[in-house]
Amino acid sequence: MEPSMAIKNPSVLVFVNQYCHCVFFFFFFHFFTAEPKCKSGPVDLVFIIDGSRSVRAHEFETMRKFMIDIIHELNIGLEATRVGVVQYSSQVQNVFSLKAFSKPAQMVKAINEIIPLAQGTMTGLAIRYAMNVAFSAEEGARPNVPHVAVIVTDGRPQDRVAEVAAAARESGLEIYAIGVARADMTSLRAMASPPFEDHVFLVESFDLIHQFGLQFQDKLCGKVFLHLIYRPLLQSSHDPSEIFLIC
């Protein structure tokens, strides 16, 4: 650090010392303790999964595991993260709504009982259902809480998705589009929220979706970390630029 950039204000130095210790201990406890949970703030999360006939039985099983692994990493609760699951094919099935369960074990049981619909691939229909029903107050969606939809599909939609996805995003949904194997990248980009590098993913095969799930968990937890770090700075009376000069 250049001498002219040194922090001389004693109160700022005290704040920096406390803040940098906070960052250090966050990383220490996040990576070196046994606590597995991503302590997220309130989020309404709905998985929208492709149950069309092109998804083979063993592939559907890996999709179940993908959802279950993520659920186990979230801080589930009616006042924390709520989770819902929608399956779609030529029709839409509400597996369970955001208000249905408050414990991971209940969600896992329901996910393990899903029977694939095994018909067509009406992704636009599923997005419309999510916007109008799954994320409605009647189904447990909360105001002033992030609404996140995670679409997992293996094929090209058999209906139009661009317009309905745009309407869903306009209504406040943040959409992640995860394509597996035969999925069409153009369609994924039409569904997802910008920026695409953060919301569009193409996984080579269902066998690799578990590995991707770990990356996706990190992305969700990374958002939580940034929220925890930047919020105290914004609420502080100190100049954040002073703090980052030393941290």
Protein backbone atom coordinates (compact mmCIF):
# COMPACT_ATOMS: atom_id res chain seq x y z
CA MET A 1 0.00 0.00 0.00
CA GLU A 2 1.34 3.49 -0.87
CA PRO A 3 1.93 5.73 2.16
CA SER A 4 -0.63 8.24 0.85
CA MET A 5 -3.23 5.47 0.87
CA ALA A 6 -2.73 4.49 4.51
CA ILE A 7 -5.74 4.62 6.81
CA LYS A 8 -5.14 7.10 9.61
CA ASN A 9 -8.59 7.46 11.15
CA PRO A 10 -8.53 5.31 14.37
CA SER A 11 -12.25 4.52 14.20
CA VAL A 12 -11.85 3.28 10.64
CA LEU A 13 -8.91 1.12 11.66
CA VAL A 14 -11.00 -0.48 14.42
CA PHE A 15 -13.84 -1.14 11.97
CA VAL A 16 -11.43 -2.60 9.38
CA ASN A 17 -9.87 -4.88 11.98
CA GLN A 18 -13.28 -6.21 13.02
CA TYR A 19 -14.49 -6.48 9.43
CA CYS A 20 -11.46 -8.38 8.13
CA HIS A 21 -11.67 -10.78 11.06
CA CYS A 22 -15.32 -11.34 10.16
CA VAL A 23 -14.37 -12.22 6.57
CA PHE A 24 -11.61 -14.57 7.74
CA PHE A 25 -13.87 -16.41 10.15
CA PHE A 26 -16.61 -16.70 7.50
CA PHE A 27 -14.22 -18.54 5.20
CA PHE A 28 -12.83 -20.63 8.05
CA PHE A 29 -16.20 -21.84 9.25
CA HIS A 30 -17.55 -22.23 5.70
CA PHE A 31 -14.73 -24.47 4.50
CA PHE A 32 -13.33 -26.16 7.61
CA THR A 33 -16.26 -26.94 9.88
CA ALA A 34 -18.80 -29.73 9.62
CA GLU A 35 -21.82 -27.42 9.25
CA PRO A 36 -23.13 -28.11 5.72
CA LYS A 37 -25.94 -25.59 5.43
CA CYS A 38 -25.94 -22.56 3.20
CA LYS A 39 -27.53 -20.04 5.54
CA SER A 40 -29.54 -18.18 2.98
CA GLY A 41 -32.00 -15.43 3.63
CA PRO A 42 -35.65 -15.89 2.69
CA VAL A 43 -35.94 -17.30 -0.85
CA ASP A 44 -38.81 -18.95 -2.72
CA LEU A 45 -37.28 -21.62 -4.97
CA VAL A 46 -39.23 -23.76 -7.45
CA PHE A 47 -37.69 -26.59 -9.47
CA ILE A 48 -39.35 -27.06 -12.87
CA ILE A 49 -38.31 -30.50 -14.10
CA ASP A 50 -38.74 -32.10 -17.50
CA GLY A 51 -40.62 -35.39 -17.20
CA SER A 52 -40.99 -36.00 -20.94
CA ARG A 53 -40.62 -39.42 -22.57
CA SER A 54 -37.12 -38.59 -23.81
CA VAL A 55 -35.81 -38.60 -20.22
CA ARG A 56 -34.75 -42.16 -19.50
CA ALA A 57 -35.44 -43.80 -16.14
CA HIS A 58 -31.88 -43.60 -14.84
CA GLU A 59 -31.65 -39.99 -16.05
CA PHE A 60 -34.76 -39.06 -14.09
CA GLU A 61 -33.14 -40.61 -11.00
CA THR A 62 -30.13 -38.32 -11.36
CA MET A 63 -32.50 -35.37 -11.64
CA ARG A 64 -34.08 -36.40 -8.34
CA LYS A 65 -30.65 -36.53 -6.72
CA PHE A 66 -29.78 -33.12 -8.13
CA MET A 67 -32.80 -31.56 -6.38
CA ILE A 68 -32.28 -33.49 -3.15
CA ASP A 69 -28.60 -32.53 -2.92
CA ILE A 70 -29.44 -28.84 -3.28
CA ILE A 71 -32.27 -29.04 -0.76
CA HIS A 72 -29.92 -30.58 1.81
CA GLU A 73 -27.60 -27.57 1.45
CA LEU A 74 -30.30 -24.93 1.95
CA ASN A 75 -31.65 -23.47 5.15
CA ILE A 76 -35.19 -24.81 4.74
CA GLY A 77 -38.08 -23.32 6.69
CA LEU A 78 -41.25 -21.32 6.32
CA GLU A 79 -39.34 -18.22 7.41
CA ALA A 80 -36.20 -19.10 5.43
CA THR A 81 -36.01 -20.95 2.09
CA ARG A 82 -39.24 -22.41 0.77
CA VAL A 83 -39.06 -24.99 -2.01
CA GLY A 84 -41.63 -26.21 -4.52
CA VAL A 85 -41.38 -28.74 -7.37
CA VAL A 86 -43.26 -28.72 -10.67
CA GLN A 87 -43.00 -31.55 -13.20
CA TYR A 88 -43.98 -30.96 -16.81
CA SER A 89 -44.42 -32.88 -20.02
CA SER A 90 -47.45 -32.34 -22.26
CA GLN A 91 -49.18 -31.22 -19.07
CA VAL A 92 -48.04 -29.71 -15.77
CA GLN A 93 -48.05 -31.45 -12.40
CA ASN A 94 -47.66 -29.59 -9.12
CA VAL A 95 -45.56 -32.08 -7.13
CA PHE A 96 -45.61 -29.86 -4.05
CA SER A 97 -46.07 -26.15 -3.49
CA LEU A 98 -43.95 -23.60 -1.64
CA LYS A 99 -46.24 -23.79 1.38
CA ALA A 100 -46.50 -27.58 1.51
CA PHE A 101 -43.41 -28.55 3.52
CA SER A 102 -41.11 -26.94 6.06
CA LYS A 103 -38.62 -29.81 6.50
CA PRO A 104 -36.14 -31.30 4.00
CA ALA A 105 -37.19 -34.88 4.85
CA GLN A 106 -40.75 -34.14 3.73
CA MET A 107 -39.52 -32.73 0.44
CA VAL A 108 -37.17 -35.65 -0.19
CA LYS A 109 -39.99 -38.13 0.36
CA ALA A 110 -42.22 -36.30 -2.13
CA ILE A 111 -39.43 -36.06 -4.71
CA ASN A 112 -38.71 -39.78 -4.43
CA GLU A 113 -42.39 -40.51 -5.11
CA ILE A 114 -42.55 -38.59 -8.41
CA ILE A 115 -43.68 -40.71 -11.36
CA PRO A 116 -42.46 -39.31 -14.71
CA LEU A 117 -45.28 -38.05 -16.93
CA ALA A 118 -43.49 -39.42 -20.02
CA GLN A 119 -45.21 -37.38 -22.71
CA GLY A 120 -44.18 -34.28 -24.70
CA THR A 121 -42.03 -31.25 -23.77
CA MET A 122 -44.27 -28.22 -23.17
CA THR A 123 -41.73 -25.99 -21.42
CA GLY A 124 -43.61 -22.77 -22.15
CA LEU A 125 -46.71 -24.21 -20.49
CA ALA A 126 -44.63 -25.03 -17.40
CA ILE A 127 -43.16 -21.52 -17.20
CA ARG A 128 -46.63 -20.01 -17.46
CA TYR A 129 -47.84 -22.32 -14.67
CA ALA A 130 -44.91 -21.29 -12.49
CA MET A 131 -45.60 -17.60 -13.05
CA ASN A 132 -49.36 -17.78 -12.51
CA VAL A 133 -49.69 -20.58 -9.96
CA ALA A 134 -46.49 -21.91 -8.37
CA PHE A 135 -45.29 -18.42 -7.41
CA SER A 136 -48.71 -17.16 -6.32
CA ALA A 137 -49.53 -16.13 -2.77
CA GLU A 138 -52.10 -18.93 -2.63
CA GLU A 139 -49.33 -21.48 -3.18
CA GLY A 140 -47.06 -19.93 -0.55
CA ALA A 141 -44.99 -17.35 -2.45
CA ARG A 142 -44.05 -14.36 -0.32
CA PRO A 143 -43.85 -10.69 -1.32
CA ASN A 144 -40.49 -8.94 -1.13
CA VAL A 145 -38.65 -12.28 -1.24
CA PRO A 146 -36.55 -13.44 -4.24
CA HIS A 147 -38.49 -15.82 -6.50
CA VAL A 148 -36.12 -18.27 -8.18
CA ALA A 149 -37.10 -20.86 -10.79
CA VAL A 150 -34.69 -23.63 -11.82
CA ILE A 151 -35.68 -25.32 -15.10
CA VAL A 152 -34.04 -28.67 -15.86
CA THR A 153 -34.70 -30.04 -19.35
CA ASP A 154 -33.12 -32.44 -21.84
CA GLY A 155 -34.78 -31.38 -25.08
CA ARG A 156 -36.13 -28.69 -27.35
CA PRO A 157 -39.50 -27.21 -26.23
CA GLN A 158 -42.50 -28.20 -28.32
CA ASP A 159 -44.17 -24.85 -27.62
CA ARG A 160 -43.02 -21.23 -27.57
CA VAL A 161 -41.01 -20.14 -24.56
CA ALA A 162 -39.56 -16.70 -25.36
CA GLU A 163 -42.67 -14.59 -24.76
CA VAL A 164 -43.89 -16.39 -21.67
CA ALA A 165 -40.39 -16.47 -20.19
CA ALA A 166 -40.05 -12.73 -20.77
CA ALA A 167 -43.39 -12.19 -19.01
CA ALA A 168 -42.24 -14.38 -16.11
CA ARG A 169 -39.01 -12.45 -15.75
CA GLU A 170 -40.94 -9.18 -15.93
CA SER A 171 -43.16 -10.41 -13.09
CA GLY A 172 -40.08 -10.79 -10.90
CA LEU A 173 -38.94 -14.39 -11.45
CA GLU A 174 -35.22 -15.09 -11.66
CA ILE A 175 -34.90 -18.06 -14.02
CA TYR A 176 -32.02 -20.53 -14.26
CA ALA A 177 -32.11 -22.78 -17.34
CA ILE A 178 -30.19 -26.04 -17.09
CA GLY A 179 -29.97 -28.09 -20.27
CA VAL A 180 -28.81 -31.67 -20.25
CA ALA A 181 -27.50 -33.71 -23.20
CA ARG A 182 -29.90 -32.97 -26.09
CA ALA A 183 -31.07 -29.57 -24.85
CA ASP A 184 -31.10 -26.62 -27.25
CA MET A 185 -28.92 -23.68 -26.21
CA THR A 186 -31.04 -21.12 -28.07
CA SER A 187 -34.11 -22.23 -26.14
CA LEU A 188 -32.22 -22.15 -22.84
CA ARG A 189 -31.16 -18.57 -23.46
CA ALA A 190 -34.75 -17.64 -24.36
CA MET A 191 -35.90 -18.93 -20.96
CA ALA A 192 -33.21 -17.65 -18.63
CA SER A 193 -32.60 -14.38 -16.84
CA PRO A 194 -29.63 -12.24 -17.84
CA PRO A 195 -26.70 -12.34 -17.59
CA PHE A 196 -26.68 -15.67 -19.44
CA GLU A 197 -23.26 -16.68 -18.14
CA ASP A 198 -24.80 -16.82 -14.67
CA HIS A 199 -28.16 -18.36 -15.57
CA VAL A 200 -27.69 -20.70 -18.54
CA PHE A 201 -25.93 -24.04 -18.19
CA LEU A 202 -25.50 -26.94 -20.58
CA VAL A 203 -24.46 -30.22 -18.97
CA GLU A 204 -23.13 -32.91 -21.31
CA SER A 205 -25.02 -35.79 -19.72
CA PHE A 206 -27.26 -36.63 -16.80
CA ASP A 207 -24.30 -38.49 -15.31
CA LEU A 208 -22.59 -35.12 -14.84
CA ILE A 209 -25.55 -33.25 -13.37
CA HIS A 210 -24.50 -34.17 -9.83
CA GLN A 211 -21.15 -32.48 -10.39
CA PHE A 212 -22.94 -29.44 -11.77
CA GLY A 213 -25.21 -29.49 -8.72
CA LEU A 214 -22.20 -28.83 -6.51
CA GLN A 215 -21.33 -25.78 -8.62
CA PHE A 216 -24.91 -24.58 -8.47
CA GLN A 217 -24.92 -24.89 -4.66
CA ASP A 218 -21.78 -22.75 -4.57
CA LYS A 219 -23.52 -20.16 -6.75
CA LEU A 220 -26.48 -19.95 -4.36
CA CYS A 221 -24.19 -19.76 -1.34
CA GLY A 222 -21.99 -17.23 -3.13
CA LYS A 223 -24.98 -14.91 -3.42
CA VAL A 224 -25.53 -15.29 0.30
CA PHE A 225 -21.87 -14.50 1.00
CA LEU A 226 -21.98 -11.31 -1.06
CA HIS A 227 -25.20 -10.31 0.71
CA LEU A 228 -23.56 -10.86 4.11
CA ILE A 229 -20.40 -8.96 3.15
CA TYR A 230 -21.76 -5.96 1.26
CA ARG A 231 -24.81 -5.21 3.41
CA PRO A 232 -22.74 -4.19 6.49
CA LEU A 233 -20.58 -2.01 4.25
CA LEU A 234 -23.57 -0.21 2.79
CA GLN A 235 -24.98 0.35 6.26
CA SER A 236 -21.63 1.57 7.61
CA SER A 237 -20.77 5.26 8.00
CA HIS A 238 -17.24 4.54 6.74
CA ASP A 239 -16.09 4.86 3.15
CA PRO A 240 -16.03 1.31 1.72
CA SER A 241 -13.08 2.23 -0.49
CA GLU A 242 -10.99 2.74 2.65
CA ILE A 243 -11.83 -0.77 3.80
CA PHE A 244 -10.99 -2.57 0.55
CA LEU A 245 -7.61 -0.83 0.42
CA ILE A 246 -6.50 -2.97 3.33
CA CYS A 247 -8.63 -6.15 3.15
